[in-house]
C-alpha atoms as a PDB file:
ATOM      1  CA  MET A   1      17.643  20.112   0.423  1.00  0.00           C
ATOM      2  CA  ARG A   2      16.989  23.833   0.849  1.00  0.00           C
ATOM      3  CA  GLY A   3      16.474  26.991  -1.179  1.00  0.00           C
ATOM      4  CA  ASP A   4      16.058  26.689  -4.933  1.00  0.00           C
ATOM      5  CA  PRO A   5      16.589  22.895  -5.042  1.00  0.00           C
ATOM      6  CA  ILE A   6      13.649  22.139  -2.719  1.00  0.00           C
ATOM      7  CA  LEU A   7      11.466  24.711  -4.489  1.00  0.00           C
ATOM      8  CA  HIS A   8      12.080  23.043  -7.852  1.00  0.00           C
ATOM      9  CA  ALA A   9      11.853  19.525  -6.415  1.00  0.00           C
ATOM     10  CA  ALA A  10       8.515  20.339  -4.766  1.00  0.00           C
ATOM     11  CA  ALA A  11       7.112  21.996  -7.891  1.00  0.00           C
ATOM     12  CA  THR A  12       8.263  19.092 -10.072  1.00  0.00           C
ATOM     13  CA  SER A  13       6.802  16.515  -7.681  1.00  0.00           C
ATOM     14  CA  ARG A  14       3.481  18.329  -7.648  1.00  0.00           C
ATOM     15  CA  TRP A  15       3.444  18.607 -11.444  1.00  0.00           C
ATOM     16  CA  ILE A  16       4.376  14.978 -12.145  1.00  0.00           C
ATOM     17  CA  SER A  17       1.814  13.788  -9.609  1.00  0.00           C
ATOM     18  CA  GLY A  18      -0.876  15.666 -11.531  1.00  0.00           C
ATOM     19  CA  GLN A  19       0.335  14.282 -14.856  1.00  0.00           C
ATOM     20  CA  LEU A  20       0.330  10.722 -13.550  1.00  0.00           C
ATOM     21  CA  GLY A  21      -3.142  11.202 -12.108  1.00  0.00           C
ATOM     22  CA  GLU A  22      -4.457  12.293 -15.506  1.00  0.00           C
ATOM     23  CA  LEU A  23      -3.043   9.060 -16.945  1.00  0.00           C
ATOM     24  CA  GLY A  24      -4.809   6.989 -14.295  1.00  0.00           C
ATOM     25  CA  ALA A  25      -1.689   6.199 -12.252  1.00  0.00           C
ATOM     26  CA  THR A  26      -1.693   6.440  -8.468  1.00  0.00           C
ATOM     27  CA  SER A  27       1.122   8.316  -6.745  1.00  0.00           C
ATOM     28  CA  ALA A  28       2.286   9.551  -3.372  1.00  0.00           C
ATOM     29  CA  ILE A  29       4.907  12.153  -2.490  1.00  0.00           C
ATOM     30  CA  LEU A  30       7.148  11.314   0.449  1.00  0.00           C
ATOM     31  CA  GLY A  31       9.834  13.247   2.265  1.00  0.00           C
ATOM     32  CA  PHE A  32      12.468  12.354   4.812  1.00  0.00           C
ATOM     33  CA  SER A  33      14.667  14.240   7.239  1.00  0.00           C
ATOM     34  CA  THR A  34      15.709  14.086  10.885  1.00  0.00           C
ATOM     35  CA  VAL A  35      13.713  15.279  13.887  1.00  0.00           C
ATOM     36  CA  GLY A  36      16.529  17.608  14.983  1.00  0.00           C
ATOM     37  CA  TRP A  37      20.055  18.714  14.248  1.00  0.00           C
ATOM     38  CA  ARG A  38      23.154  16.915  15.568  1.00  0.00           C
ATOM     39  CA  GLY A  39      21.320  13.811  16.689  1.00  0.00           C
ATOM     40  CA  GLY A  40      18.740  15.280  19.021  1.00  0.00           C
ATOM     41  CA  ARG A  41      17.256  12.857  21.542  1.00  0.00           C
ATOM     42  CA  ALA A  42      19.014   9.821  20.067  1.00  0.00           C
ATOM     43  CA  ARG A  43      22.411  11.392  20.660  1.00  0.00           C
ATOM     44  CA  LYS A  44      21.438  12.499  24.188  1.00  0.00           C
ATOM     45  CA  ASP A  45      20.410   8.927  25.014  1.00  0.00           C
ATOM     46  CA  TRP A  46      23.752   7.679  23.688  1.00  0.00           C
ATOM     47  CA  LEU A  47      25.640  10.207  25.811  1.00  0.00           C
ATOM     48  CA  ALA A  48      23.623   9.245  28.905  1.00  0.00           C
ATOM     49  CA  GLY A  49      24.346   5.564  28.191  1.00  0.00           C
ATOM     50  CA  GLY A  50      28.100   5.991  28.434  1.00  0.00           C
ATOM     51  CA  GLN A  51      28.886   6.645  24.753  1.00  0.00           C
ATOM     52  CA  PRO A  52      29.440   3.059  23.562  1.00  0.00           C
ATOM     53  CA  LYS A  53      31.627   2.756  20.466  1.00  0.00           C
ATOM     54  CA  ARG A  54      30.101   2.284  17.012  1.00  0.00           C
ATOM     55  CA  PRO A  55      26.547   3.037  18.202  1.00  0.00           C
ATOM     56  CA  GLY A  56      24.934   3.063  14.754  1.00  0.00           C
ATOM     57  CA  ARG A  57      22.398   5.727  13.835  1.00  0.00           C
ATOM     58  CA  LEU A  58      22.398   8.614  16.301  1.00  0.00           C
ATOM     59  CA  CYS A  59      19.442  10.584  15.020  1.00  0.00           C
ATOM     60  CA  ALA A  60      15.682  10.353  15.178  1.00  0.00           C
ATOM     61  CA  LEU A  61      14.121   9.983  11.744  1.00  0.00           C
ATOM     62  CA  LEU A  62      11.315  12.103  10.335  1.00  0.00           C
ATOM     63  CA  HIS A  63       9.347  10.489   7.504  1.00  0.00           C
ATOM     64  CA  ILE A  64       6.725  12.736   5.923  1.00  0.00           C
ATOM     65  CA  LEU A  65       3.738  11.816   3.762  1.00  0.00           C
ATOM     66  CA  TYR A  66       3.283  15.028   1.763  1.00  0.00           C
ATOM     67  CA  LYS A  67       0.660  13.576  -0.582  1.00  0.00           C
ATOM     68  CA  PRO A  68      -0.991  10.270   0.309  1.00  0.00           C
ATOM     69  CA  PHE A  69      -1.968   7.693  -2.284  1.00  0.00           C
ATOM     70  CA  ASP A  70      -5.474   8.187  -3.657  1.00  0.00           C
ATOM     71  CA  GLU A  71      -5.669  11.831  -2.544  1.00  0.00           C
ATOM     72  CA  PRO A  72      -5.008  15.067  -4.451  1.00  0.00           C
ATOM     73  CA  PHE A  73      -2.089  17.335  -3.648  1.00  0.00           C
ATOM     74  CA  ALA A  74      -3.408  20.065  -1.333  1.00  0.00           C
ATOM     75  CA  ASP A  75      -2.124  23.611  -0.771  1.00  0.00           C
ATOM     76  CA  GLU A  76      -1.163  22.754   2.805  1.00  0.00           C
ATOM     77  CA  ASP A  77       0.976  19.876   1.479  1.00  0.00           C
ATOM     78  CA  TRP A  78       2.875  22.412  -0.638  1.00  0.00           C
ATOM     79  CA  ALA A  79       3.456  24.677   2.374  1.00  0.00           C
ATOM     80  CA  ILE A  80       4.827  21.787   4.439  1.00  0.00           C
ATOM     81  CA  MET A  81       7.209  20.741   1.659  1.00  0.00           C
ATOM     82  CA  LEU A  82       8.766  24.204   1.652  1.00  0.00           C
ATOM     83  CA  HIS A  83       8.838  24.776   5.411  1.00  0.00           C
ATOM     84  CA  PRO A  84      12.507  25.373   6.373  1.00  0.00           C
ATOM     85  CA  ASP A  85      12.170  23.774   9.820  1.00  0.00           C
ATOM     86  CA  VAL A  86      11.306  20.397   8.286  1.00  0.00           C
ATOM     87  CA  LEU A  87      14.472  20.066   6.203  1.00  0.00           C
ATOM     88  CA  ARG A  88      17.485  18.926   8.199  1.00  0.00           C
ATOM     89  CA  GLU A  89      19.752  15.912   7.687  1.00  0.00           C
ATOM     90  CA  ASN A  90      19.088  12.766   5.665  1.00  0.00           C
ATOM     91  CA  VAL A  91      19.373   9.031   6.226  1.00  0.00           C
ATOM     92  CA  ASP A  92      18.585   7.869   2.696  1.00  0.00           C
ATOM     93  CA  GLY A  93      18.813   4.119   3.229  1.00  0.00           C
ATOM     94  CA  GLU A  94      16.127   3.999   5.892  1.00  0.00           C
ATOM     95  CA  ALA A  95      13.957   6.392   3.874  1.00  0.00           C
ATOM     96  CA  ILE A  96      14.071   3.982   0.927  1.00  0.00           C
ATOM     97  CA  ILE A  97      13.158   1.068   3.210  1.00  0.00           C
ATOM     98  CA  TRP A  98      10.160   3.059   4.504  1.00  0.00           C
ATOM     99  CA  ALA A  99       9.010   4.070   1.014  1.00  0.00           C
ATOM    100  CA  CYS A 100       9.336   0.516  -0.300  1.00  0.00           C
ATOM    101  CA  GLY A 101       7.275  -0.744   2.626  1.00  0.00           C
ATOM    102  CA  MET A 102       4.492   1.650   1.686  1.00  0.00           C
ATOM    103  CA  LEU A 103       4.653   0.579  -1.968  1.00  0.00           C
ATOM    104  CA  ARG A 104       4.551  -3.114  -1.072  1.00  0.00           C
ATOM    105  CA  ASP A 105       1.282  -2.524   0.767  1.00  0.00           C
ATOM    106  CA  ARG A 106      -0.301  -1.189  -2.417  1.00  0.00           C
ATOM    107  CA  PRO A 107      -2.483  -3.354  -4.708  1.00  0.00           C
ATOM    108  CA  GLU A 108      -1.004  -2.087  -7.978  1.00  0.00           C
ATOM    109  CA  PRO A 109       1.086  -4.707  -9.811  1.00  0.00           C
ATOM    110  CA  ASN A 110       3.649  -2.184 -11.077  1.00  0.00           C
ATOM    111  CA  ARG A 111       5.486  -0.060  -8.517  1.00  0.00           C
ATOM    112  CA  LEU A 112       8.047   2.682  -9.163  1.00  0.00           C
ATOM    113  CA  LEU A 113      10.023   4.632  -6.576  1.00  0.00           C
ATOM    114  CA  VAL A 114      11.912   7.709  -7.811  1.00  0.00           C
ATOM    115  CA  VAL A 115      14.311   9.395  -5.396  1.00  0.00           C
ATOM    116  CA  LEU A 116      15.225  13.076  -5.849  1.00  0.00           C
ATOM    117  CA  SER A 117      18.657  13.613  -4.312  1.00  0.00           C
ATOM    118  CA  GLU A 118      21.132  16.470  -4.044  1.00  0.00           C
ATOM    119  CA  GLY A 119      23.819  14.692  -2.069  1.00  0.00           C
ATOM    120  CA  ALA A 120      25.044  11.669  -0.175  1.00  0.00           C
ATOM    121  CA  PRO A 121      23.244  10.669   3.044  1.00  0.00           C
ATOM    122  CA  VAL A 122      24.467  12.655   6.028  1.00  0.00           C
ATOM    123  CA  ASP A 123      23.879  12.925   9.750  1.00  0.00           C
ATOM    124  CA  ASP A 124      26.821  14.512  11.553  1.00  0.00           C
ATOM    125  CA  SER A 125      26.379  12.671  14.861  1.00  0.00           C
ATOM    126  CA  THR A 126      26.102   9.283  13.170  1.00  0.00           C
ATOM    127  CA  LEU A 127      29.082   9.883  10.884  1.00  0.00           C
ATOM    128  CA  THR A 128      31.291  11.250  13.666  1.00  0.00           C
ATOM    129  CA  GLN A 129      30.856   8.170  15.877  1.00  0.00           C
ATOM    130  CA  ASN A 130      30.684   5.434  13.221  1.00  0.00           C
ATOM    131  CA  GLY A 131      32.994   6.583  10.453  1.00  0.00           C
ATOM    132  CA  GLY A 132      32.265   8.750   7.449  1.00  0.00           C
ATOM    133  CA  LYS A 133      31.089   5.918   5.183  1.00  0.00           C
ATOM    134  CA  ILE A 134      28.440   4.226   7.343  1.00  0.00           C
ATOM    135  CA  LEU A 135      25.392   5.912   5.770  1.00  0.00           C
ATOM    136  CA  TRP A 136      26.900   5.665   2.275  1.00  0.00           C
ATOM    137  CA  ARG A 137      27.456   1.917   2.731  1.00  0.00           C
ATOM    138  CA  HIS A 138      23.958   1.482   4.138  1.00  0.00           C
ATOM    139  CA  VAL A 139      22.156   3.207   1.269  1.00  0.00           C
ATOM    140  CA  LYS A 140      24.228   1.226  -1.237  1.00  0.00           C
ATOM    141  CA  SER A 141      23.237  -2.063   0.443  1.00  0.00           C
ATOM    142  CA  VAL A 142      19.560  -1.055   0.659  1.00  0.00           C
ATOM    143  CA  ILE A 143      19.487  -0.149  -3.048  1.00  0.00           C
ATOM    144  CA  ALA A 144      21.172  -3.451  -3.950  1.00  0.00           C
ATOM    145  CA  GLU A 145      18.578  -5.382  -1.936  1.00  0.00           C
ATOM    146  CA  VAL A 146      15.626  -3.562  -3.548  1.00  0.00           C
ATOM    147  CA  GLU A 147      17.025  -4.090  -7.026  1.00  0.00           C
ATOM    148  CA  ALA A 148      17.693  -7.777  -6.298  1.00  0.00           C
ATOM    149  CA  VAL A 149      14.111  -8.459  -5.136  1.00  0.00           C
ATOM    150  CA  ASP A 150      12.809  -6.646  -8.235  1.00  0.00           C
ATOM    151  CA  ASP A 151       9.231  -6.092  -7.036  1.00  0.00           C
ATOM    152  CA  ILE A 152       9.808  -2.323  -7.105  1.00  0.00           C
ATOM    153  CA  ILE A 153      11.538  -0.378  -9.849  1.00  0.00           C
ATOM    154  CA  LEU A 154      13.971   2.005  -8.178  1.00  0.00           C
ATOM    155  CA  ALA A 155      15.289   5.111  -9.923  1.00  0.00           C
ATOM    156  CA  ALA A 156      16.754   8.481  -9.019  1.00  0.00           C
ATOM    157  CA  ILE A 157      17.323  12.024 -10.207  1.00  0.00           C
ATOM    158  CA  GLY A 158      20.463  13.762  -8.973  1.00  0.00           C
ATOM    159  CA  ILE A 159      20.177  17.521  -8.495  1.00  0.00           C
ATOM    160  CA  ASN A 160      23.673  18.934  -9.006  1.00  0.00           C
ATOM    161  CA  TYR A 161      24.849  15.529  -7.844  1.00  0.00           C
ATOM    162  CA  ARG A 162      25.626  12.315  -9.702  1.00  0.00           C
ATOM    163  CA  VAL A 163      23.526   9.396  -8.520  1.00  0.00           C
ATOM    164  CA  ASP A 164      24.608   6.817 -11.086  1.00  0.00           C
ATOM    165  CA  GLU A 165      27.052   5.226  -8.628  1.00  0.00           C
ATOM    166  CA  PHE A 166      24.052   4.354  -6.452  1.00  0.00           C
ATOM    167  CA  TYR A 167      21.163   3.680  -8.851  1.00  0.00           C
ATOM    168  CA  LYS A 168      21.073   1.648 -12.072  1.00  0.00           C
ATOM    169  CA  ARG A 169      18.294   3.862 -13.462  1.00  0.00           C
ATOM    170  CA  SER A 170      19.128   7.523 -13.028  1.00  0.00           C
ATOM    171  CA  ARG A 171      19.506  10.993 -14.475  1.00  0.00           C
ATOM    172  CA  SER A 172      21.357  14.051 -13.200  1.00  0.00           C
ATOM    173  CA  VAL A 173      20.566  17.718 -13.765  1.00  0.00           C
ATOM    174  CA  GLU A 174      22.684  20.797 -13.159  1.00  0.00           C
ATOM    175  CA  ASP A 175      20.079  23.295 -14.327  1.00  0.00           C
ATOM    176  CA  LEU A 176      17.086  23.122 -11.992  1.00  0.00           C
ATOM    177  CA  THR A 177      14.728  24.115 -14.783  1.00  0.00           C
ATOM    178  CA  GLU A 178      15.564  20.781 -16.457  1.00  0.00           C
ATOM    179  CA  LEU A 179      14.207  18.762 -13.540  1.00  0.00           C
ATOM    180  CA  PRO A 180      10.619  18.277 -14.852  1.00  0.00           C
ATOM    181  CA  ALA A 181      11.870  17.063 -18.244  1.00  0.00           C
ATOM    182  CA  ALA A 182      14.457  14.767 -16.646  1.00  0.00           C
ATOM    183  CA  LEU A 183      11.875  13.192 -14.345  1.00  0.00           C
ATOM    184  CA  SER A 184       9.215  12.756 -17.003  1.00  0.00           C
ATOM    185  CA  THR A 185      11.648  11.198 -19.504  1.00  0.00           C
ATOM    186  CA  LEU A 186      13.064   8.884 -16.841  1.00  0.00           C
ATOM    187  CA  ILE A 187       9.571   7.627 -15.997  1.00  0.00           C
ATOM    188  CA  ALA A 188       8.630   7.337 -19.675  1.00  0.00           C
ATOM    189  CA  ASP A 189      11.790   5.330 -20.439  1.00  0.00           C
ATOM    190  CA  ILE A 190      11.054   2.939 -17.571  1.00  0.00           C
ATOM    191  CA  VAL A 191       7.422   2.472 -18.636  1.00  0.00           C
ATOM    192  CA  ARG A 192       8.467   1.776 -22.240  1.00  0.00           C
ATOM    193  CA  GLN A 193      11.149  -0.712 -21.191  1.00  0.00           C
ATOM    194  CA  PRO A 194      10.125  -4.328 -21.845  1.00  0.00           C
ATOM    195  CA  ALA A 195       9.684  -6.459 -18.728  1.00  0.00           C
ATOM    196  CA  GLY A 196      12.782  -8.358 -17.670  1.00  0.00           C
ATOM    197  CA  THR A 197      15.260  -6.038 -19.425  1.00  0.00           C
ATOM    198  CA  GLU A 198      17.639  -3.440 -18.031  1.00  0.00           C
END
């Protein structure tokens, strides 16, 4: 996510975090990317190892805690969110696993994870060597597992991208200025939803 989409996503995340804090809810803002382009060290290790077929993920992951739980959003957090060198490729399935692990360590009884997405998961090195659907299949299976366990409510906002084929609870926006309203109404609808209903 680059340019206007990341600017609006960052601003919306910062705003909703403040709104939730005023309501007494705890929140964190997480980001995910890859350490380098075109696989980086992971791909070099694969090349040095004789290039075995179907190697799986060929990129090093970068998981970023922009705003920790129980801490305010700082100006330096904002600068990091917008730094162009941080934003590369995306392995969404493993990012969701990481975020859910953090949420499961929290004491709060109600846990919500909202993903902001502008496209399908992609890492060129991984897709080239494993087939174009490997990351798509992985994120679908991760989402299905999270929704089946049901200890975390999982939802998503698609930015110029439909996410309803992945997530049961979702919205999509084409106009970036609609992102704050879409996110706030999605959260409000989930909070108002009676327990045990879809």
